[in-house]
Amino acid sequence: MPFLIRTLLPRRTALLGTLAACAALAAGTAQAAAAVGQPAPAFTLTDTSGKTRSLAEFKGKTVVLEWTNPGCPFVRKHYDSANLPGLQKEFTGKDVVWLAVNSTEKAASDYLAPPELAGWIQGKAGAPTATLMDEEGTVGKAYGARTTPHMYIVNPQGTLIYAGGIDSIASARVSDIKTATNYVRQGLNEALAGKPISQAQTQPYGCTIKYKS
């Protein structure tokens, strides 16, 4: 074997090994997402008023995370019917923190800039503690959020205790709300009563989140 080939082969093998390790690490990172029973991923985002908000500032409180996008008919179902605004008011009145998160990328046709998004939620009588902008999709991907709405509950110790749908009927029909099991209300009532959540993971439904490529 020529000297040059004998010299390059070990280097090539080492390089391929390094690339394989990096690819495996990247794949593991891409697949990692928040899991019920584990610490909720920390985050810092800017709200629609330009204020910096973080999950850490609400430590010691129960926190709801609601992924939203006004362009989605499933989101409009729950706002037009006052279902989501009602939940927000009901539980923020019980000292629960409610954070709406918009992970829609800026290039999407239904993206709303912060003032427009705030105006839309206000116009629907929404009452989240804050509405957070996640245009880069970092937080949405950390939580594994797939749809709007996609709902999460974090307990006062910072553990994720619920992930899934808002209720049990996956439709955009307002008429289905009254017969559906509202998983978020059920889970919050159980958590606030000091009980384990009976259905801690359910299937989310809605529109696919338009993440930045």
N, C-alpha and C. Protein backbone atom coordinates (compact mmCIF):
# COMPACT_ATOMS: atom_id res chain seq x y z
N MET A 1 0.85 -1.21 0.00
CA MET A 1 0.00 0.00 0.00
C MET A 1 0.87 1.23 0.00
N PRO A 2 0.63 2.15 -0.93
CA PRO A 2 1.45 3.37 -0.97
C PRO A 2 1.39 4.10 0.36
N PHE A 3 2.49 4.81 0.65
CA PHE A 3 2.61 5.53 1.93
C PHE A 3 1.48 6.52 2.13
N LEU A 4 1.09 7.28 1.06
CA LEU A 4 0.07 8.32 1.19
C LEU A 4 -1.27 7.72 1.60
N ILE A 5 -1.63 6.56 1.00
CA ILE A 5 -2.90 5.92 1.33
C ILE A 5 -2.88 5.42 2.76
N ARG A 6 -1.71 4.79 3.17
CA ARG A 6 -1.60 4.31 4.56
C ARG A 6 -1.75 5.46 5.54
N THR A 7 -1.31 6.66 5.16
CA THR A 7 -1.38 7.82 6.05
C THR A 7 -2.79 8.38 6.14
N LEU A 8 -3.49 8.41 4.97
CA LEU A 8 -4.79 9.05 4.94
C LEU A 8 -5.91 8.17 5.49
N LEU A 9 -5.80 6.84 5.36
CA LEU A 9 -6.89 5.97 5.79
C LEU A 9 -7.26 6.13 7.25
N PRO A 10 -6.30 6.14 8.19
CA PRO A 10 -6.68 6.34 9.60
C PRO A 10 -7.36 7.68 9.84
N ARG A 11 -6.87 8.71 9.12
CA ARG A 11 -7.48 10.03 9.29
C ARG A 11 -8.92 10.03 8.78
N ARG A 12 -9.12 9.35 7.63
CA ARG A 12 -10.47 9.30 7.05
C ARG A 12 -11.41 8.54 7.98
N THR A 13 -10.92 7.44 8.55
CA THR A 13 -11.74 6.64 9.47
C THR A 13 -12.11 7.45 10.70
N ALA A 14 -11.14 8.20 11.22
CA ALA A 14 -11.40 9.03 12.41
C ALA A 14 -12.41 10.12 12.10
N LEU A 15 -12.27 10.72 10.90
CA LEU A 15 -13.19 11.78 10.50
C LEU A 15 -14.61 11.25 10.36
N LEU A 16 -14.75 10.07 9.74
CA LEU A 16 -16.07 9.47 9.58
C LEU A 16 -16.69 9.15 10.93
N GLY A 17 -15.86 8.68 11.85
CA GLY A 17 -16.35 8.39 13.20
C GLY A 17 -16.85 9.63 13.90
N THR A 18 -16.11 10.72 13.73
CA THR A 18 -16.51 11.99 14.35
C THR A 18 -17.81 12.49 13.76
N LEU A 19 -17.93 12.41 12.42
CA LEU A 19 -19.15 12.86 11.76
C LEU A 19 -20.35 12.02 12.20
N ALA A 20 -20.14 10.71 12.33
CA ALA A 20 -21.22 9.83 12.77
C ALA A 20 -21.67 10.18 14.18
N ALA A 21 -20.70 10.46 15.04
CA ALA A 21 -21.03 10.83 16.42
C ALA A 21 -21.81 12.13 16.47
N CYS A 22 -21.38 13.10 15.64
CA CYS A 22 -22.08 14.39 15.60
C CYS A 22 -23.50 14.21 15.08
N ALA A 23 -23.66 13.36 14.06
CA ALA A 23 -24.98 13.13 13.50
C ALA A 23 -25.89 12.48 14.52
N ALA A 24 -25.34 11.52 15.28
CA ALA A 24 -26.14 10.87 16.32
C ALA A 24 -26.55 11.85 17.39
N LEU A 25 -25.63 12.73 17.77
CA LEU A 25 -25.93 13.74 18.79
C LEU A 25 -27.01 14.69 18.28
N ALA A 26 -26.88 15.12 17.02
CA ALA A 26 -27.87 16.03 16.45
C ALA A 26 -29.24 15.37 16.38
N ALA A 27 -29.27 14.08 16.01
CA ALA A 27 -30.55 13.37 15.94
C ALA A 27 -31.17 13.26 17.31
N GLY A 28 -30.36 12.97 18.31
CA GLY A 28 -30.88 12.87 19.67
C GLY A 28 -31.42 14.19 20.14
N THR A 29 -30.75 15.29 19.80
CA THR A 29 -31.22 16.61 20.19
C THR A 29 -32.53 16.95 19.50
N ALA A 30 -32.62 16.61 18.22
CA ALA A 30 -33.82 16.93 17.45
C ALA A 30 -35.03 16.16 17.97
N GLN A 31 -34.81 14.92 18.47
CA GLN A 31 -35.92 14.09 18.91
C GLN A 31 -36.28 14.38 20.36
N ALA A 32 -35.38 14.99 21.11
CA ALA A 32 -35.66 15.25 22.52
C ALA A 32 -36.78 16.27 22.65
N ALA A 33 -37.72 15.99 23.50
CA ALA A 33 -38.83 16.92 23.74
C ALA A 33 -39.28 16.75 25.17
N ALA A 34 -40.07 17.70 25.63
CA ALA A 34 -40.56 17.66 27.00
C ALA A 34 -41.35 16.39 27.24
N ALA A 35 -41.22 15.83 28.43
CA ALA A 35 -41.94 14.61 28.78
C ALA A 35 -42.68 14.81 30.09
N VAL A 36 -43.90 14.31 30.14
CA VAL A 36 -44.68 14.38 31.37
C VAL A 36 -43.94 13.66 32.49
N GLY A 37 -43.89 14.28 33.64
CA GLY A 37 -43.18 13.72 34.77
C GLY A 37 -41.75 14.19 34.88
N GLN A 38 -41.29 14.95 33.87
CA GLN A 38 -39.93 15.47 33.86
C GLN A 38 -39.97 17.00 33.99
N PRO A 39 -38.83 17.62 34.34
CA PRO A 39 -38.81 19.09 34.43
C PRO A 39 -39.22 19.73 33.10
N ALA A 40 -40.06 20.73 33.17
CA ALA A 40 -40.47 21.45 31.96
C ALA A 40 -39.28 22.26 31.45
N PRO A 41 -39.03 22.23 30.14
CA PRO A 41 -37.89 22.99 29.59
C PRO A 41 -37.97 24.48 29.94
N ALA A 42 -36.86 25.01 30.43
CA ALA A 42 -36.80 26.44 30.75
C ALA A 42 -36.82 27.24 29.45
N PHE A 43 -37.34 28.45 29.52
CA PHE A 43 -37.33 29.31 28.34
C PHE A 43 -37.46 30.76 28.74
N THR A 44 -37.03 31.62 27.83
CA THR A 44 -37.20 33.06 27.94
C THR A 44 -37.67 33.57 26.59
N LEU A 45 -38.78 34.29 26.58
CA LEU A 45 -39.35 34.83 25.34
C LEU A 45 -39.83 36.25 25.59
N THR A 46 -40.10 36.97 24.51
CA THR A 46 -40.66 38.31 24.61
C THR A 46 -42.16 38.23 24.39
N ASP A 47 -42.92 38.95 25.21
CA ASP A 47 -44.37 38.94 25.03
C ASP A 47 -44.79 40.00 24.01
N THR A 48 -46.08 40.07 23.73
CA THR A 48 -46.55 40.96 22.68
C THR A 48 -46.39 42.43 23.03
N SER A 49 -46.12 42.74 24.30
CA SER A 49 -45.87 44.13 24.69
C SER A 49 -44.39 44.47 24.70
N GLY A 50 -43.54 43.47 24.36
CA GLY A 50 -42.10 43.70 24.32
C GLY A 50 -41.38 43.36 25.61
N LYS A 51 -42.11 42.84 26.59
CA LYS A 51 -41.51 42.50 27.88
C LYS A 51 -40.91 41.11 27.84
N THR A 52 -39.74 40.94 28.44
CA THR A 52 -39.10 39.63 28.52
C THR A 52 -39.74 38.82 29.63
N ARG A 53 -40.18 37.62 29.29
CA ARG A 53 -40.81 36.73 30.26
C ARG A 53 -40.08 35.39 30.25
N SER A 54 -40.04 34.75 31.39
CA SER A 54 -39.40 33.44 31.48
C SER A 54 -40.27 32.50 32.31
N LEU A 55 -40.10 31.21 32.08
CA LEU A 55 -40.82 30.23 32.91
C LEU A 55 -40.36 30.34 34.36
N ALA A 56 -39.08 30.64 34.56
CA ALA A 56 -38.52 30.69 35.91
C ALA A 56 -39.19 31.75 36.78
N GLU A 57 -39.69 32.82 36.18
CA GLU A 57 -40.30 33.88 36.99
C GLU A 57 -41.61 33.43 37.63
N PHE A 58 -42.16 32.32 37.15
CA PHE A 58 -43.43 31.84 37.69
C PHE A 58 -43.26 30.59 38.56
N LYS A 59 -42.03 30.33 38.98
CA LYS A 59 -41.78 29.18 39.84
C LYS A 59 -42.61 29.31 41.11
N GLY A 60 -43.20 28.22 41.53
CA GLY A 60 -44.08 28.25 42.69
C GLY A 60 -45.54 28.38 42.33
N LYS A 61 -45.83 28.54 41.03
CA LYS A 61 -47.21 28.64 40.55
C LYS A 61 -47.48 27.56 39.51
N THR A 62 -48.73 27.19 39.39
CA THR A 62 -49.15 26.31 38.30
C THR A 62 -49.19 27.15 37.02
N VAL A 63 -48.63 26.60 35.93
CA VAL A 63 -48.54 27.33 34.67
C VAL A 63 -49.18 26.51 33.55
N VAL A 64 -50.02 27.16 32.78
CA VAL A 64 -50.57 26.55 31.56
C VAL A 64 -49.86 27.16 30.36
N LEU A 65 -49.47 26.32 29.43
CA LEU A 65 -48.90 26.77 28.15
C LEU A 65 -49.90 26.38 27.06
N GLU A 66 -50.29 27.36 26.29
CA GLU A 66 -51.28 27.17 25.22
C GLU A 66 -50.67 27.60 23.89
N TRP A 67 -50.41 26.65 23.00
CA TRP A 67 -49.90 27.04 21.67
C TRP A 67 -51.06 27.53 20.82
N THR A 68 -50.86 28.69 20.19
CA THR A 68 -51.97 29.34 19.50
C THR A 68 -51.56 29.89 18.14
N ASN A 69 -52.55 30.10 17.29
CA ASN A 69 -52.38 30.76 16.00
C ASN A 69 -53.76 31.16 15.51
N PRO A 70 -54.10 32.45 15.50
CA PRO A 70 -55.44 32.88 15.12
C PRO A 70 -55.87 32.47 13.71
N GLY A 71 -54.90 32.11 12.86
CA GLY A 71 -55.26 31.66 11.52
C GLY A 71 -55.81 30.25 11.47
N CYS A 72 -55.78 29.56 12.57
CA CYS A 72 -56.20 28.15 12.62
C CYS A 72 -57.67 28.04 12.99
N PRO A 73 -58.49 27.31 12.23
CA PRO A 73 -59.91 27.18 12.56
C PRO A 73 -60.17 26.48 13.89
N PHE A 74 -59.25 25.63 14.32
CA PHE A 74 -59.42 24.95 15.61
C PHE A 74 -59.21 25.95 16.75
N VAL A 75 -58.27 26.86 16.58
CA VAL A 75 -58.06 27.92 17.57
C VAL A 75 -59.28 28.84 17.59
N ARG A 76 -59.75 29.21 16.40
CA ARG A 76 -60.92 30.09 16.33
C ARG A 76 -62.14 29.44 16.96
N LYS A 77 -62.28 28.13 16.82
CA LYS A 77 -63.38 27.40 17.47
C LYS A 77 -63.41 27.69 18.96
N HIS A 78 -62.25 27.60 19.59
CA HIS A 78 -62.20 27.72 21.04
C HIS A 78 -62.19 29.17 21.53
N TYR A 79 -61.87 30.11 20.64
CA TYR A 79 -61.95 31.53 21.00
C TYR A 79 -63.31 32.12 20.64
N ASP A 80 -63.82 31.80 19.45
CA ASP A 80 -65.12 32.34 19.04
C ASP A 80 -66.24 31.90 19.98
N SER A 81 -66.09 30.70 20.53
CA SER A 81 -67.10 30.15 21.45
C SER A 81 -66.91 30.63 22.87
N ALA A 82 -65.80 31.36 23.12
CA ALA A 82 -65.42 31.82 24.47
C ALA A 82 -64.93 30.68 25.36
N ASN A 83 -64.67 29.52 24.77
CA ASN A 83 -64.19 28.39 25.57
C ASN A 83 -62.81 28.68 26.17
N LEU A 84 -61.86 29.07 25.31
CA LEU A 84 -60.52 29.37 25.83
C LEU A 84 -60.49 30.63 26.69
N PRO A 85 -61.10 31.75 26.25
CA PRO A 85 -61.14 32.90 27.14
C PRO A 85 -61.76 32.58 28.50
N GLY A 86 -62.80 31.74 28.50
CA GLY A 86 -63.43 31.36 29.75
C GLY A 86 -62.50 30.57 30.66
N LEU A 87 -61.75 29.62 30.06
CA LEU A 87 -60.79 28.86 30.84
C LEU A 87 -59.69 29.75 31.41
N GLN A 88 -59.21 30.67 30.57
CA GLN A 88 -58.18 31.59 31.02
C GLN A 88 -58.64 32.40 32.24
N LYS A 89 -59.84 32.95 32.15
CA LYS A 89 -60.36 33.76 33.25
C LYS A 89 -60.63 32.92 34.49
N GLU A 90 -61.18 31.73 34.27
CA GLU A 90 -61.50 30.84 35.39
C GLU A 90 -60.26 30.51 36.21
N PHE A 91 -59.18 30.17 35.53
CA PHE A 91 -58.02 29.67 36.27
C PHE A 91 -56.99 30.73 36.63
N THR A 92 -56.89 31.80 35.86
CA THR A 92 -56.04 32.90 36.35
C THR A 92 -56.67 33.49 37.61
N GLY A 93 -58.01 33.37 37.74
CA GLY A 93 -58.68 33.79 38.96
C GLY A 93 -58.36 32.90 40.14
N LYS A 94 -57.77 31.74 39.86
CA LYS A 94 -57.35 30.81 40.93
C LYS A 94 -55.82 30.81 41.06
N ASP A 95 -55.19 31.89 40.61
CA ASP A 95 -53.76 32.10 40.73
C ASP A 95 -52.92 31.20 39.82
N VAL A 96 -53.54 30.69 38.75
CA VAL A 96 -52.80 29.93 37.74
C VAL A 96 -52.26 30.93 36.72
N VAL A 97 -51.04 30.72 36.28
CA VAL A 97 -50.43 31.54 35.22
C VAL A 97 -50.76 30.89 33.88
N TRP A 98 -51.24 31.71 32.93
CA TRP A 98 -51.63 31.18 31.62
C TRP A 98 -50.82 31.90 30.55
N LEU A 99 -49.99 31.14 29.85
CA LEU A 99 -49.13 31.72 28.83
C LEU A 99 -49.52 31.18 27.45
N ALA A 100 -50.00 32.05 26.60
CA ALA A 100 -50.25 31.68 25.20
C ALA A 100 -48.93 31.84 24.44
N VAL A 101 -48.61 30.88 23.59
CA VAL A 101 -47.34 30.90 22.85
C VAL A 101 -47.64 30.77 21.36
N ASN A 102 -47.07 31.67 20.57
CA ASN A 102 -47.23 31.60 19.12
C ASN A 102 -45.88 31.29 18.48
N SER A 103 -45.77 30.08 17.91
CA SER A 103 -44.52 29.64 17.28
C SER A 103 -44.59 29.73 15.76
N THR A 104 -45.59 30.43 15.23
CA THR A 104 -45.72 30.59 13.77
C THR A 104 -44.57 31.44 13.24
N GLU A 105 -43.90 30.96 12.20
CA GLU A 105 -42.78 31.72 11.65
C GLU A 105 -43.27 32.98 10.94
N LYS A 106 -42.38 33.97 10.87
CA LYS A 106 -42.76 35.25 10.28
C LYS A 106 -43.15 35.14 8.80
N ALA A 107 -42.58 34.17 8.10
CA ALA A 107 -42.85 34.04 6.66
C ALA A 107 -44.20 33.40 6.37
N ALA A 108 -44.87 32.86 7.37
CA ALA A 108 -46.16 32.20 7.15
C ALA A 108 -47.24 33.22 6.82
N SER A 109 -48.16 32.83 5.97
CA SER A 109 -49.21 33.75 5.52
C SER A 109 -50.14 34.19 6.65
N ASP A 110 -50.27 33.36 7.69
CA ASP A 110 -51.17 33.71 8.79
C ASP A 110 -50.42 34.20 10.03
N TYR A 111 -49.15 34.55 9.86
CA TYR A 111 -48.39 35.13 10.98
C TYR A 111 -48.97 36.51 11.34
N LEU A 112 -49.12 36.75 12.63
CA LEU A 112 -49.53 38.07 13.11
C LEU A 112 -48.40 38.67 13.94
N ALA A 113 -48.04 39.92 13.63
CA ALA A 113 -47.04 40.63 14.43
C ALA A 113 -47.59 40.84 15.84
N PRO A 114 -46.72 41.08 16.81
CA PRO A 114 -47.17 41.18 18.21
C PRO A 114 -48.37 42.09 18.45
N PRO A 115 -48.41 43.32 17.91
CA PRO A 115 -49.58 44.17 18.19
C PRO A 115 -50.88 43.59 17.64
N GLU A 116 -50.80 42.97 16.43
CA GLU A 116 -52.00 42.39 15.83
C GLU A 116 -52.46 41.16 16.60
N LEU A 117 -51.49 40.35 17.05
CA LEU A 117 -51.84 39.16 17.83
C LEU A 117 -52.49 39.56 19.15
N ALA A 118 -51.90 40.55 19.82
CA ALA A 118 -52.48 41.03 21.08
C ALA A 118 -53.88 41.58 20.86
N GLY A 119 -54.07 42.31 19.75
CA GLY A 119 -55.37 42.87 19.44
C GLY A 119 -56.40 41.80 19.16
N TRP A 120 -55.99 40.73 18.48
CA TRP A 120 -56.91 39.64 18.17
C TRP A 120 -57.38 38.97 19.45
N ILE A 121 -56.43 38.65 20.33
CA ILE A 121 -56.79 37.98 21.58
C ILE A 121 -57.68 38.88 22.44
N GLN A 122 -57.34 40.16 22.50
CA GLN A 122 -58.16 41.10 23.26
C GLN A 122 -59.56 41.20 22.67
N GLY A 123 -59.64 41.19 21.35
CA GLY A 123 -60.93 41.28 20.68
C GLY A 123 -61.81 40.07 20.93
N LYS A 124 -61.19 38.94 21.28
CA LYS A 124 -61.94 37.73 21.61
C LYS A 124 -62.18 37.61 23.12
N ALA A 125 -61.85 38.66 23.85
CA ALA A 125 -61.99 38.67 25.32
C ALA A 125 -61.07 37.67 25.99
N GLY A 126 -59.95 37.37 25.31
CA GLY A 126 -58.97 36.47 25.90
C GLY A 126 -58.28 37.11 27.10
N ALA A 127 -57.85 36.28 28.04
CA ALA A 127 -57.24 36.80 29.26
C ALA A 127 -56.04 35.99 29.71
N PRO A 128 -55.10 35.66 28.79
CA PRO A 128 -53.89 34.98 29.26
C PRO A 128 -53.04 35.94 30.10
N THR A 129 -52.21 35.38 30.94
CA THR A 129 -51.28 36.20 31.72
C THR A 129 -50.36 36.97 30.78
N ALA A 130 -49.92 36.30 29.72
CA ALA A 130 -49.08 36.91 28.70
C ALA A 130 -49.19 36.09 27.43
N THR A 131 -48.94 36.76 26.29
CA THR A 131 -48.87 36.07 25.00
C THR A 131 -47.44 36.21 24.50
N LEU A 132 -46.79 35.08 24.28
CA LEU A 132 -45.36 35.05 24.00
C LEU A 132 -45.08 34.77 22.52
N MET A 133 -44.06 35.45 21.99
CA MET A 133 -43.68 35.29 20.60
C MET A 133 -42.48 34.34 20.48
N ASP A 134 -42.66 33.29 19.69
CA ASP A 134 -41.63 32.26 19.51
C ASP A 134 -41.42 32.02 18.02
N GLU A 135 -41.18 33.10 17.28
CA GLU A 135 -41.07 33.00 15.82
C GLU A 135 -39.96 32.06 15.36
N GLU A 136 -38.91 31.90 16.15
CA GLU A 136 -37.83 30.98 15.78
C GLU A 136 -38.23 29.53 16.04
N GLY A 137 -39.28 29.32 16.82
CA GLY A 137 -39.76 27.96 17.09
C GLY A 137 -38.97 27.20 18.14
N THR A 138 -38.06 27.86 18.80
CA THR A 138 -37.17 27.17 19.74
C THR A 138 -37.95 26.54 20.89
N VAL A 139 -38.85 27.29 21.47
CA VAL A 139 -39.59 26.78 22.63
C VAL A 139 -40.61 25.74 22.20
N GLY A 140 -41.29 26.00 21.09
CA GLY A 140 -42.25 25.02 20.60
C GLY A 140 -41.60 23.66 20.34
N LYS A 141 -40.44 23.68 19.75
CA LYS A 141 -39.74 22.42 19.46
C LYS A 141 -39.23 21.77 20.74
N ALA A 142 -38.82 22.57 21.71
CA ALA A 142 -38.35 22.02 22.99
C ALA A 142 -39.48 21.26 23.69
N TYR A 143 -40.69 21.76 23.54
CA TYR A 143 -41.84 21.09 24.17
C TYR A 143 -42.45 20.01 23.28
N GLY A 144 -42.05 19.97 22.03
CA GLY A 144 -42.65 19.01 21.11
C GLY A 144 -44.05 19.42 20.70
N ALA A 145 -44.34 20.73 20.75
CA ALA A 145 -45.67 21.21 20.35
C ALA A 145 -45.88 20.97 18.86
N ARG A 146 -47.00 20.36 18.52
CA ARG A 146 -47.25 20.00 17.13
C ARG A 146 -48.44 20.72 16.51
N THR A 147 -49.40 21.10 17.34
CA THR A 147 -50.63 21.64 16.80
C THR A 147 -51.04 22.92 17.53
N THR A 148 -51.97 23.65 16.91
CA THR A 148 -52.63 24.75 17.61
C THR A 148 -54.12 24.41 17.67
N PRO A 149 -54.67 24.30 18.91
CA PRO A 149 -53.94 24.44 20.18
C PRO A 149 -53.22 23.14 20.57
N HIS A 150 -52.16 23.27 21.36
CA HIS A 150 -51.49 22.15 22.03
C HIS A 150 -51.27 22.65 23.44
N MET A 151 -51.70 21.89 24.43
CA MET A 151 -51.78 22.38 25.80
C MET A 151 -50.82 21.63 26.73
N TYR A 152 -50.27 22.38 27.67
CA TYR A 152 -49.36 21.81 28.68
C TYR A 152 -49.67 22.43 30.04
N ILE A 153 -49.45 21.64 31.09
CA ILE A 153 -49.57 22.16 32.46
C ILE A 153 -48.27 21.85 33.19
N VAL A 154 -47.74 22.88 33.85
CA VAL A 154 -46.50 22.75 34.64
C VAL A 154 -46.87 23.00 36.10
N ASN A 155 -46.43 22.13 37.00
CA ASN A 155 -46.81 22.32 38.41
C ASN A 155 -45.88 23.32 39.11
N PRO A 156 -46.18 23.72 40.33
CA PRO A 156 -45.37 24.74 41.01
C PRO A 156 -43.90 24.34 41.20
N GLN A 157 -43.61 23.06 41.14
CA GLN A 157 -42.22 22.60 41.26
C GLN A 157 -41.48 22.60 39.93
N GLY A 158 -42.17 22.98 38.86
CA GLY A 158 -41.54 23.06 37.55
C GLY A 158 -41.58 21.77 36.76
N THR A 159 -42.42 20.81 37.18
CA THR A 159 -42.55 19.54 36.48
C THR A 159 -43.73 19.58 35.51
N LEU A 160 -43.53 19.03 34.33
CA LEU A 160 -44.61 18.96 33.35
C LEU A 160 -45.57 17.86 33.79
N ILE A 161 -46.84 18.21 34.01
CA ILE A 161 -47.80 17.23 34.52
C ILE A 161 -48.94 16.94 33.54
N TYR A 162 -49.04 17.71 32.46
CA TYR A 162 -50.03 17.42 31.42
C TYR A 162 -49.49 17.87 30.08
N ALA A 163 -49.78 17.07 29.05
CA ALA A 163 -49.47 17.44 27.66
C ALA A 163 -50.49 16.81 26.75
N GLY A 164 -51.09 17.63 25.87
CA GLY A 164 -52.03 17.05 24.93
C GLY A 164 -53.07 18.02 24.41
N GLY A 165 -54.25 17.50 24.15
CA GLY A 165 -55.32 18.28 23.57
C GLY A 165 -56.08 19.09 24.60
N ILE A 166 -56.83 20.05 24.12
CA ILE A 166 -57.67 20.83 25.02
C ILE A 166 -58.88 20.01 25.47
N ASP A 167 -59.39 19.15 24.58
CA ASP A 167 -60.54 18.33 24.96
C ASP A 167 -60.54 17.04 24.15
N SER A 168 -61.63 16.29 24.29
CA SER A 168 -61.66 14.92 23.77
C SER A 168 -62.27 14.77 22.38
N ILE A 169 -62.78 15.84 21.80
CA ILE A 169 -63.40 15.72 20.47
C ILE A 169 -62.59 16.54 19.47
N ALA A 170 -61.91 15.84 18.58
CA ALA A 170 -61.00 16.49 17.63
C ALA A 170 -61.76 17.01 16.42
N SER A 171 -62.39 18.16 16.60
CA SER A 171 -63.12 18.76 15.48
C SER A 171 -63.01 20.27 15.58
N ALA A 172 -63.42 20.95 14.51
CA ALA A 172 -63.46 22.41 14.51
C ALA A 172 -64.88 22.92 14.73
N ARG A 173 -65.78 22.04 15.13
CA ARG A 173 -67.18 22.41 15.35
C ARG A 173 -67.41 22.92 16.77
N VAL A 174 -67.93 24.10 16.88
CA VAL A 174 -68.23 24.68 18.19
C VAL A 174 -69.23 23.81 18.96
N SER A 175 -70.15 23.18 18.24
CA SER A 175 -71.20 22.38 18.89
C SER A 175 -70.64 21.19 19.67
N ASP A 176 -69.41 20.77 19.35
CA ASP A 176 -68.82 19.62 20.03
C ASP A 176 -68.27 19.98 21.42
N ILE A 177 -68.08 21.25 21.70
CA ILE A 177 -67.45 21.65 22.95
C ILE A 177 -68.24 21.18 24.16
N LYS A 178 -69.58 21.31 24.08
CA LYS A 178 -70.40 21.01 25.26
C LYS A 178 -70.43 19.53 25.62
N THR A 179 -70.13 18.65 24.67
CA THR A 179 -70.15 17.21 24.96
C THR A 179 -68.75 16.62 25.14
N ALA A 180 -67.74 17.42 24.91
CA ALA A 180 -66.35 16.93 25.04
C ALA A 180 -65.89 16.99 26.49
N THR A 181 -64.97 16.10 26.83
CA THR A 181 -64.28 16.19 28.12
C THR A 181 -63.18 17.22 27.98
N ASN A 182 -63.24 18.28 28.78
CA ASN A 182 -62.21 19.32 28.72
C ASN A 182 -61.03 18.86 29.58
N TYR A 183 -60.00 18.36 28.91
CA TYR A 183 -58.85 17.79 29.63
C TYR A 183 -58.09 18.83 30.44
N VAL A 184 -58.07 20.07 29.95
CA VAL A 184 -57.33 21.11 30.66
C VAL A 184 -58.03 21.49 31.96
N ARG A 185 -59.34 21.70 31.89
CA ARG A 185 -60.09 22.01 33.12
C ARG A 185 -60.00 20.84 34.10
N GLN A 186 -60.18 19.64 33.60
CA GLN A 186 -60.11 18.46 34.45
C GLN A 186 -58.75 18.35 35.13
N GLY A 187 -57.68 18.51 34.34
CA GLY A 187 -56.33 18.39 34.88
C GLY A 187 -56.00 19.48 35.88
N LEU A 188 -56.41 20.71 35.58
CA LEU A 188 -56.14 21.81 36.50
C LEU A 188 -56.91 21.64 37.81
N ASN A 189 -58.16 21.24 37.74
CA ASN A 189 -58.93 21.02 38.96
C ASN A 189 -58.30 19.94 39.82
N GLU A 190 -57.85 18.88 39.19
CA GLU A 190 -57.19 17.80 39.94
C GLU A 190 -55.89 18.28 40.56
N ALA A 191 -55.08 18.99 39.76
CA ALA A 191 -53.79 19.46 40.25
C ALA A 191 -53.96 20.44 41.41
N LEU A 192 -54.91 21.37 41.27
CA LEU A 192 -55.12 22.37 42.32
C LEU A 192 -55.68 21.74 43.60
N ALA A 193 -56.31 20.57 43.46
CA ALA A 193 -56.83 19.85 44.62
C ALA A 193 -55.78 18.92 45.23
N GLY A 194 -54.58 18.96 44.65
CA GLY A 194 -53.50 18.11 45.17
C GLY A 194 -53.58 16.67 44.73
N LYS A 195 -54.36 16.41 43.68
CA LYS A 195 -54.52 15.04 43.17
C LYS A 195 -53.66 14.84 41.92
N PRO A 196 -53.28 13.60 41.64
CA PRO A 196 -52.60 13.34 40.36
C PRO A 196 -53.58 13.52 39.21
N ILE A 197 -53.06 13.95 38.07
CA ILE A 197 -53.92 14.15 36.90
C ILE A 197 -54.29 12.79 36.32
N SER A 198 -55.59 12.54 36.19
CA SER A 198 -56.07 11.22 35.78
C SER A 198 -55.74 10.92 34.32
N GLN A 199 -55.71 11.94 33.48
CA GLN A 199 -55.32 11.76 32.07
C GLN A 199 -54.21 12.77 31.78
N ALA A 200 -52.99 12.35 32.07
CA ALA A 200 -51.84 13.27 32.00
C ALA A 200 -51.32 13.46 30.59
N GLN A 201 -51.66 12.55 29.69
CA GLN A 201 -51.24 12.68 28.29
C GLN A 201 -52.40 12.31 27.39
N THR A 202 -52.74 13.20 26.48
CA THR A 202 -53.80 12.93 25.52
C THR A 202 -53.32 13.33 24.14
N GLN A 203 -54.14 13.02 23.15
CA GLN A 203 -53.77 13.33 21.76
C GLN A 203 -54.11 14.77 21.43
N PRO A 204 -53.14 15.60 21.06
CA PRO A 204 -53.47 16.97 20.64
C PRO A 204 -54.10 16.95 19.26
N TYR A 205 -54.89 17.95 18.97
CA TYR A 205 -55.45 18.08 17.63
C TYR A 205 -55.48 19.56 17.25
N GLY A 206 -55.54 19.82 15.95
CA GLY A 206 -55.58 21.19 15.47
C GLY A 206 -54.78 21.34 14.20
N CYS A 207 -54.33 22.56 13.95
CA CYS A 207 -53.52 22.85 12.76
C CYS A 207 -52.05 22.61 13.07
N THR A 208 -51.33 22.14 12.07
CA THR A 208 -49.90 21.93 12.22
C THR A 208 -49.20 23.28 12.43
N ILE A 209 -48.30 23.33 13.41
CA ILE A 209 -47.57 24.58 13.67
C ILE A 209 -46.62 24.87 12.51
N LYS A 210 -46.64 26.08 12.02
CA LYS A 210 -45.79 26.48 10.89
C LYS A 210 -44.45 26.95 11.42
N TYR A 211 -43.58 25.98 11.70
CA TYR A 211 -42.26 26.30 12.24
C TYR A 211 -41.33 26.85 11.16
N LYS A 212 -40.39 27.66 11.60
CA LYS A 212 -39.35 28.16 10.71
C LYS A 212 -38.48 26.99 10.26
N SER A 213 -38.18 26.93 8.98
CA SER A 213 -37.39 25.81 8.43
C SER A 213 -35.97 25.84 8.97
